[in-house]
Amino acid sequence: MKKPLIGLGLGALLIVAAAGVLQAQKAATARKVIYASSSGAKFEKSSMNGVSMAAVWGNRDKGAHATFTKFEPGYDAGMHTHTNDVMVVVIKGAYLYKDDAGEKRVGPGDFLRVPGGHKHWSGGDKTEGALFYEESPGKFDLVPVK
């Protein structure tokens, strides 16, 4: 009877140790200095027509991440939500934003935080489009709202 209990205790101890190692690895990665330049970024077209993205850190398809994102001139994302919060800092052009509280033209140097689940519309300036830094604590998604 004692052998199964000892085995169970050792298994639990191994699980706790593995979790500790994963937390230590995550903390070490989070403490790295990251430098990225939008002018040297390798943009890839996304599944959304009119949008291209370049990874800065993380993986937008799997979890926490940051990207440089471009909206082509006149890009219209339609009304939508995101599961996770999205933070935006515009670098060039203008990120156009609209929700029930009104419209905002988010220009170079401006910051916008959109909480996860918040219904809004976004798009790019008709002439310049938008280039912005985007960060999220979770996977990226765009959930259309009718």
Protein backbone atom coordinates (compact mmCIF):
# COMPACT_ATOMS: atom_id res chain seq x y z
CA MET A 1 0.00 0.00 0.00
CA LYS A 2 2.90 2.36 0.73
CA LYS A 3 4.57 1.84 -2.69
CA PRO A 4 1.65 3.36 -4.70
CA LEU A 5 1.58 6.36 -2.36
CA ILE A 6 5.33 6.89 -2.75
CA GLY A 7 4.98 6.64 -6.55
CA LEU A 8 2.09 9.11 -6.50
CA GLY A 9 4.12 11.50 -4.36
CA LEU A 10 7.13 11.27 -6.69
CA GLY A 11 4.88 11.87 -9.72
CA ALA A 12 3.41 14.99 -8.11
CA LEU A 13 6.91 16.21 -7.22
CA LEU A 14 8.04 15.76 -10.85
CA ILE A 15 5.02 17.71 -12.12
CA VAL A 16 5.76 20.58 -9.71
CA ALA A 17 9.44 20.57 -10.73
CA ALA A 18 8.56 20.61 -14.44
CA ALA A 19 6.17 23.52 -13.88
CA GLY A 20 8.94 25.38 -12.06
CA VAL A 21 11.36 24.83 -14.96
CA LEU A 22 8.76 26.12 -17.46
CA GLN A 23 8.13 29.22 -15.31
CA ALA A 24 11.90 29.85 -15.07
CA GLN A 25 12.27 29.54 -18.86
CA LYS A 26 9.35 31.92 -19.41
CA ALA A 27 10.83 34.45 -16.96
CA ALA A 28 14.25 34.24 -18.63
CA THR A 29 12.72 34.85 -22.07
CA ALA A 30 10.64 37.76 -20.80
CA ARG A 31 13.78 39.43 -19.47
CA LYS A 32 15.58 39.48 -22.85
CA VAL A 33 16.26 42.78 -24.56
CA ILE A 34 14.44 42.92 -27.89
CA TYR A 35 15.21 45.46 -30.59
CA ALA A 36 13.23 45.61 -33.81
CA SER A 37 13.01 48.17 -36.59
CA SER A 38 9.85 48.52 -38.65
CA SER A 39 11.94 49.69 -41.61
CA GLY A 40 13.87 46.40 -41.68
CA ALA A 41 10.95 44.12 -40.82
CA LYS A 42 9.94 41.26 -43.14
CA PHE A 43 6.22 41.77 -43.68
CA GLU A 44 4.02 38.88 -44.75
CA LYS A 45 0.50 39.19 -46.10
CA SER A 46 -2.03 37.97 -43.57
CA SER A 47 -5.24 36.08 -44.21
CA MET A 48 -7.03 39.46 -44.09
CA ASN A 49 -6.77 41.19 -47.49
CA GLY A 50 -5.07 44.57 -47.14
CA VAL A 51 -3.09 43.63 -44.01
CA SER A 52 0.53 42.55 -43.67
CA MET A 53 2.42 41.74 -40.48
CA ALA A 54 5.98 41.23 -39.28
CA ALA A 55 6.65 39.40 -36.01
CA VAL A 56 8.55 41.32 -33.34
CA TRP A 57 8.27 38.65 -30.63
CA GLY A 58 6.02 35.70 -29.80
CA ASN A 59 3.64 33.97 -32.19
CA ARG A 60 0.34 35.69 -33.03
CA ASP A 61 -1.24 32.33 -33.92
CA LYS A 62 -0.39 30.71 -30.58
CA GLY A 63 -0.27 33.27 -27.77
CA ALA A 64 1.23 36.49 -26.48
CA HIS A 65 2.92 38.42 -29.28
CA ALA A 66 3.88 41.72 -30.86
CA THR A 67 3.91 42.64 -34.55
CA PHE A 68 4.52 45.53 -36.85
CA THR A 69 1.29 45.68 -38.82
CA LYS A 70 0.42 47.55 -42.03
CA PHE A 71 -3.05 48.47 -43.23
CA GLU A 72 -3.16 49.37 -46.92
CA PRO A 73 -4.76 52.74 -47.73
CA GLY A 74 -8.51 52.53 -47.21
CA TYR A 75 -8.38 49.12 -45.49
CA ASP A 76 -11.71 48.34 -43.75
CA ALA A 77 -11.76 45.59 -41.08
CA GLY A 78 -15.50 45.95 -40.52
CA MET A 79 -17.16 45.69 -37.11
CA HIS A 80 -15.43 43.05 -35.00
CA THR A 81 -14.03 42.01 -31.63
CA HIS A 82 -10.85 40.30 -30.49
CA THR A 83 -10.73 37.63 -27.79
CA ASN A 84 -7.72 39.29 -26.13
CA ASP A 85 -6.79 42.91 -25.46
CA VAL A 86 -4.98 44.62 -28.34
CA MET A 87 -2.58 47.54 -27.83
CA VAL A 88 -1.58 49.73 -30.77
CA VAL A 89 1.05 52.46 -31.18
CA VAL A 90 0.93 54.13 -34.61
CA ILE A 91 4.25 54.73 -36.37
CA LYS A 92 3.11 56.15 -39.72
CA GLY A 93 -0.19 57.07 -41.36
CA ALA A 94 -3.37 56.76 -39.32
CA TYR A 95 -5.22 53.88 -37.69
CA LEU A 96 -8.91 54.72 -37.87
CA TYR A 97 -11.05 53.49 -34.97
CA LYS A 98 -14.77 53.62 -34.23
CA ASP A 99 -17.00 52.26 -31.47
CA ASP A 100 -20.23 53.27 -29.71
CA ALA A 101 -18.39 56.15 -28.01
CA GLY A 102 -17.33 57.71 -31.33
CA GLU A 103 -14.49 57.87 -33.83
CA LYS A 104 -10.75 58.33 -33.30
CA ARG A 105 -7.94 59.02 -35.72
CA VAL A 106 -4.93 57.40 -34.09
CA GLY A 107 -1.84 59.02 -35.57
CA PRO A 108 1.94 58.67 -35.24
CA GLY A 109 2.96 58.44 -31.59
CA ASP A 110 -0.61 57.77 -30.41
CA PHE A 111 -1.57 54.74 -28.29
CA LEU A 112 -4.85 52.80 -28.30
CA ARG A 113 -5.86 49.85 -26.10
CA VAL A 114 -8.92 47.85 -27.16
CA PRO A 115 -10.14 45.44 -24.47
CA GLY A 116 -10.86 41.86 -25.51
CA GLY A 117 -14.52 41.43 -26.45
CA HIS A 118 -15.05 45.15 -27.19
CA LYS A 119 -17.03 45.70 -30.41
CA HIS A 120 -15.33 48.19 -32.74
CA TRP A 121 -14.45 49.05 -36.34
CA SER A 122 -10.91 49.74 -37.55
CA GLY A 123 -9.22 50.64 -40.79
CA GLY A 124 -6.41 52.53 -42.49
CA ASP A 125 -6.26 56.14 -43.64
CA LYS A 126 -7.55 56.43 -47.23
CA THR A 127 -4.32 58.04 -48.47
CA GLU A 128 -1.50 56.70 -46.30
CA GLY A 129 -2.85 53.54 -44.73
CA ALA A 130 -1.29 52.78 -41.35
CA LEU A 131 1.89 51.28 -39.96
CA PHE A 132 1.68 50.41 -36.27
CA TYR A 133 3.15 48.33 -33.48
CA GLU A 134 0.55 45.90 -32.12
CA GLU A 135 0.84 43.86 -28.94
CA SER A 136 -1.47 41.36 -27.24
CA PRO A 137 -1.23 39.07 -24.20
CA GLY A 138 -2.88 36.26 -26.18
CA LYS A 139 -3.44 34.78 -29.61
CA PHE A 140 -4.64 37.16 -32.35
CA ASP A 141 -8.09 36.77 -33.79
CA LEU A 142 -10.70 38.93 -35.51
CA VAL A 143 -14.28 37.95 -34.77
CA PRO A 144 -16.73 39.66 -37.18
CA VAL A 145 -19.80 41.28 -35.61
CA LYS A 146 -23.05 41.74 -37.56
